[in-house]
Amino acid sequence: MLIPLALLGLVVYWAVNSGVKNALKEGSSSGALDILKSRYARNEITEDEYKKLKEELSR
């Protein structure tokens, strides 16, 4: 009874741990940069605004 429970615990631990690592690896600045690029592509912001915001995100 303990072996299947231990295996289940390891699987859950591995799933949660790998999910956290992937979230940290992606980072929020790359997501923000993707949003910025999309807004520029849809002409929601000007080229000057794009450059200014991109510079601020890269700091």
C-alpha atoms as a PDB file:
ATOM      1  CA  MET A   1       0.000   0.000   0.000  1.00  0.00           C
ATOM      2  CA  LEU A   2       2.842   2.406   0.738  1.00  0.00           C
ATOM      3  CA  ILE A   3       4.702   1.852  -2.534  1.00  0.00           C
ATOM      4  CA  PRO A   4       1.869   3.037  -4.834  1.00  0.00           C
ATOM      5  CA  LEU A   5       1.261   5.997  -2.540  1.00  0.00           C
ATOM      6  CA  ALA A   6       4.958   6.899  -2.606  1.00  0.00           C
ATOM      7  CA  LEU A   7       5.022   6.618  -6.401  1.00  0.00           C
ATOM      8  CA  LEU A   8       1.977   8.858  -6.663  1.00  0.00           C
ATOM      9  CA  GLY A   9       3.674  11.386  -4.393  1.00  0.00           C
ATOM     10  CA  LEU A  10       6.796  11.367  -6.562  1.00  0.00           C
ATOM     11  CA  VAL A  11       4.763  11.885  -9.728  1.00  0.00           C
ATOM     12  CA  VAL A  12       2.891  14.824  -8.191  1.00  0.00           C
ATOM     13  CA  TYR A  13       6.140  16.327  -6.883  1.00  0.00           C
ATOM     14  CA  TRP A  14       7.798  15.984 -10.298  1.00  0.00           C
ATOM     15  CA  ALA A  15       4.823  17.546 -12.111  1.00  0.00           C
ATOM     16  CA  VAL A  16       4.647  20.541  -9.784  1.00  0.00           C
ATOM     17  CA  ASN A  17       8.411  21.039  -9.709  1.00  0.00           C
ATOM     18  CA  SER A  18       8.798  20.953 -13.503  1.00  0.00           C
ATOM     19  CA  GLY A  19       5.876  23.357 -13.912  1.00  0.00           C
ATOM     20  CA  VAL A  20       7.490  25.873 -11.573  1.00  0.00           C
ATOM     21  CA  LYS A  21      10.822  25.611 -13.385  1.00  0.00           C
ATOM     22  CA  ASN A  22       9.162  26.215 -16.753  1.00  0.00           C
ATOM     23  CA  ALA A  23       7.304  29.247 -15.425  1.00  0.00           C
ATOM     24  CA  LEU A  24      10.502  30.732 -14.033  1.00  0.00           C
ATOM     25  CA  LYS A  25      12.414  29.984 -17.216  1.00  0.00           C
ATOM     26  CA  GLU A  26       9.957  31.870 -19.421  1.00  0.00           C
ATOM     27  CA  GLY A  27       9.957  34.987 -17.287  1.00  0.00           C
ATOM     28  CA  SER A  28       7.515  37.844 -17.385  1.00  0.00           C
ATOM     29  CA  SER A  29       9.627  40.235 -19.448  1.00  0.00           C
ATOM     30  CA  SER A  30       9.547  37.973 -22.502  1.00  0.00           C
ATOM     31  CA  GLY A  31       5.766  37.781 -22.196  1.00  0.00           C
ATOM     32  CA  ALA A  32       5.573  41.548 -21.953  1.00  0.00           C
ATOM     33  CA  LEU A  33       7.811  41.901 -24.993  1.00  0.00           C
ATOM     34  CA  ASP A  34       5.570  39.548 -26.968  1.00  0.00           C
ATOM     35  CA  ILE A  35       2.551  41.648 -26.027  1.00  0.00           C
ATOM     36  CA  LEU A  36       4.410  44.803 -27.028  1.00  0.00           C
ATOM     37  CA  LYS A  37       5.313  43.308 -30.413  1.00  0.00           C
ATOM     38  CA  SER A  38       1.699  42.287 -30.979  1.00  0.00           C
ATOM     39  CA  ARG A  39       0.423  45.756 -30.136  1.00  0.00           C
ATOM     40  CA  TYR A  40       2.924  47.305 -32.540  1.00  0.00           C
ATOM     41  CA  ALA A  41       1.976  44.843 -35.280  1.00  0.00           C
ATOM     42  CA  ARG A  42      -1.701  45.770 -34.849  1.00  0.00           C
ATOM     43  CA  ASN A  43      -0.798  49.489 -35.053  1.00  0.00           C
ATOM     44  CA  GLU A  44      -2.078  50.113 -31.536  1.00  0.00           C
ATOM     45  CA  ILE A  45       1.114  52.007 -30.681  1.00  0.00           C
ATOM     46  CA  THR A  46       3.483  54.144 -32.719  1.00  0.00           C
ATOM     47  CA  GLU A  47       7.063  53.255 -33.565  1.00  0.00           C
ATOM     48  CA  ASP A  48       8.332  55.794 -31.027  1.00  0.00           C
ATOM     49  CA  GLU A  49       6.138  54.314 -28.295  1.00  0.00           C
ATOM     50  CA  TYR A  50       7.306  50.821 -29.260  1.00  0.00           C
ATOM     51  CA  LYS A  51      10.976  51.774 -29.027  1.00  0.00           C
ATOM     52  CA  LYS A  52      10.499  53.571 -25.706  1.00  0.00           C
ATOM     53  CA  LEU A  53       8.572  50.705 -24.127  1.00  0.00           C
ATOM     54  CA  LYS A  54      10.977  48.101 -25.489  1.00  0.00           C
ATOM     55  CA  GLU A  55      13.892  49.985 -23.936  1.00  0.00           C
ATOM     56  CA  GLU A  56      12.088  50.146 -20.591  1.00  0.00           C
ATOM     57  CA  LEU A  57      11.374  46.413 -20.673  1.00  0.00           C
ATOM     58  CA  SER A  58      14.982  45.517 -21.407  1.00  0.00           C
ATOM     59  CA  ARG A  59      16.270  47.289 -18.283  1.00  0.00           C
END
